[in-house]
Amino acid sequence: MKKHIYDEKNGLHYTLHGDVYLPDLVYSNHEYPPLGKYGRMRKTYLQEHHKASFSKMLLRDELWPHLLEVDEQSHEMMDTIVERMKQECGITEQLKADDWWRWVQEMGNIRNAAEEYVLREIVFQ
């Protein structure tokens, strides 16, 4: 039996230990920044609904960069959608000064709609 093998299906290298091949796992010593809201939501989603993908990314040290990217993309999309919807709905600083409660309500509706879209298109994809 060979001492080292490579599995093309999962992209992992294995080393023979006795009669068993064990994956060559290396502890990553990367200092990643903390995850934001959408990165944490993506992590939970993967853990609960896509366990194989979660484990595969974790073993390849691809999970944290993926979660950070999802978090960044989600925040950028939220900002873009909120600004576009504010313009389309005529939500201005003048409205904020004139009718503060209406401005808060409209902004809440816009943020909720934008977040629903971001969750569906990026986080829970």
Protein backbone atom coordinates (compact mmCIF):
# COMPACT_ATOMS: atom_id res chain seq x y z
CA MET A 1 0.00 0.00 0.00
CA LYS A 2 1.18 3.50 -0.78
CA LYS A 3 2.22 5.70 2.12
CA HIS A 4 0.57 8.85 0.67
CA ILE A 5 -2.50 9.13 -1.56
CA TYR A 6 -4.63 11.96 -2.96
CA ASP A 7 -8.42 11.77 -3.26
CA GLU A 8 -9.60 13.76 -6.27
CA LYS A 9 -13.23 13.64 -5.09
CA ASN A 10 -12.63 15.77 -2.02
CA GLY A 11 -9.21 17.25 -2.79
CA LEU A 12 -7.53 15.92 0.36
CA HIS A 13 -4.19 14.18 0.80
CA TYR A 14 -4.01 11.12 3.05
CA THR A 15 -1.18 9.34 4.85
CA LEU A 16 -1.19 5.67 5.81
CA HIS A 17 -1.14 5.13 9.59
CA GLY A 18 -1.16 1.41 10.34
CA ASP A 19 -4.01 0.02 8.24
CA VAL A 20 -5.93 3.28 7.93
CA TYR A 21 -5.49 6.34 5.71
CA LEU A 22 -5.95 9.54 7.70
CA PRO A 23 -6.32 12.98 6.11
CA ASP A 24 -3.30 15.27 6.26
CA LEU A 25 -4.88 18.08 8.21
CA VAL A 26 -2.86 21.16 9.04
CA TYR A 27 -3.93 23.60 11.70
CA SER A 28 -4.33 27.02 10.17
CA ASN A 29 -2.75 29.71 12.26
CA HIS A 30 -4.51 32.55 10.40
CA GLU A 31 -5.82 35.47 12.39
CA TYR A 32 -9.13 36.17 10.70
CA PRO A 33 -11.25 39.16 11.69
CA PRO A 34 -14.49 38.43 13.52
CA LEU A 35 -17.55 37.59 11.46
CA GLY A 36 -20.38 40.03 11.02
CA LYS A 37 -24.09 39.29 11.14
CA TYR A 38 -24.40 37.79 7.66
CA GLY A 39 -21.23 35.70 7.97
CA ARG A 40 -22.54 34.17 11.19
CA MET A 41 -25.91 33.50 9.58
CA ARG A 42 -24.20 31.81 6.62
CA LYS A 43 -22.14 29.64 8.98
CA THR A 44 -25.25 28.49 10.84
CA TYR A 45 -27.05 27.82 7.56
CA LEU A 46 -24.18 25.69 6.24
CA GLN A 47 -23.87 23.78 9.53
CA GLU A 48 -27.58 22.95 9.60
CA HIS A 49 -28.45 22.46 5.92
CA HIS A 50 -25.21 21.69 4.03
CA LYS A 51 -23.12 19.68 6.46
CA ALA A 52 -20.93 18.11 3.76
CA SER A 53 -20.03 21.48 2.22
CA PHE A 54 -19.40 22.93 5.67
CA SER A 55 -17.05 20.07 6.61
CA LYS A 56 -15.28 20.18 3.26
CA MET A 57 -14.61 23.92 3.51
CA LEU A 58 -13.55 23.55 7.12
CA LEU A 59 -11.05 20.80 6.29
CA ARG A 60 -9.60 22.79 3.40
CA ASP A 61 -9.37 25.97 5.49
CA GLU A 62 -11.77 27.68 3.09
CA LEU A 63 -14.63 28.25 5.51
CA TRP A 64 -13.58 31.48 7.21
CA PRO A 65 -12.57 33.29 3.98
CA HIS A 66 -15.90 32.21 2.46
CA LEU A 67 -17.86 33.50 5.46
CA LEU A 68 -15.98 36.82 5.42
CA GLU A 69 -16.68 37.20 1.70
CA VAL A 70 -20.40 36.46 2.18
CA ASP A 71 -20.54 39.01 5.00
CA GLU A 72 -18.81 41.69 2.93
CA GLN A 73 -20.97 41.05 -0.16
CA SER A 74 -24.12 41.12 1.92
CA HIS A 75 -23.27 44.45 3.54
CA GLU A 76 -22.38 45.98 0.18
CA MET A 77 -25.61 44.75 -1.38
CA MET A 78 -27.62 46.04 1.59
CA ASP A 79 -26.08 49.50 1.24
CA THR A 80 -26.72 49.57 -2.51
CA ILE A 81 -30.33 48.39 -2.26
CA VAL A 82 -31.19 50.73 0.62
CA GLU A 83 -29.81 53.76 -1.23
CA ARG A 84 -31.62 52.83 -4.45
CA MET A 85 -34.91 52.24 -2.63
CA LYS A 86 -34.57 55.53 -0.71
CA GLN A 87 -34.26 57.39 -4.00
CA GLU A 88 -37.17 55.52 -5.60
CA CYS A 89 -39.44 56.11 -2.59
CA GLY A 90 -38.43 59.75 -2.16
CA ILE A 91 -37.01 59.30 1.33
CA THR A 92 -34.91 62.40 1.94
CA GLU A 93 -33.24 64.27 4.75
CA GLN A 94 -36.01 66.85 4.40
CA LEU A 95 -38.58 64.18 5.22
CA LYS A 96 -36.47 63.21 8.22
CA ALA A 97 -36.53 66.82 9.43
CA ASP A 98 -40.27 67.32 8.72
CA ASP A 99 -41.79 64.00 9.78
CA TRP A 100 -39.28 61.98 11.76
CA TRP A 101 -41.65 59.12 12.65
CA ARG A 102 -42.66 58.58 9.02
CA TRP A 103 -38.98 58.60 8.00
CA VAL A 104 -38.19 55.94 10.63
CA GLN A 105 -41.10 53.79 9.45
CA GLU A 106 -40.16 54.09 5.78
CA MET A 107 -36.48 53.35 6.48
CA GLY A 108 -37.46 50.30 8.54
CA ASN A 109 -39.58 49.00 5.67
CA ILE A 110 -36.77 49.60 3.20
CA ARG A 111 -34.16 47.87 5.37
CA ASN A 112 -36.44 44.88 5.97
CA ALA A 113 -37.13 44.47 2.26
CA ALA A 114 -33.46 44.83 1.38
CA GLU A 115 -32.39 42.34 4.04
CA GLU A 116 -34.97 39.81 2.89
CA TYR A 117 -33.51 40.01 -0.62
CA VAL A 118 -29.90 39.74 0.60
CA LEU A 119 -30.67 36.73 2.77
CA ARG A 120 -32.41 34.94 -0.09
CA GLU A 121 -29.82 35.77 -2.76
CA ILE A 122 -26.54 35.52 -0.84
CA VAL A 123 -26.71 34.12 2.68
CA PHE A 124 -29.15 31.22 2.20
CA GLN A 125 -28.00 30.32 -1.30
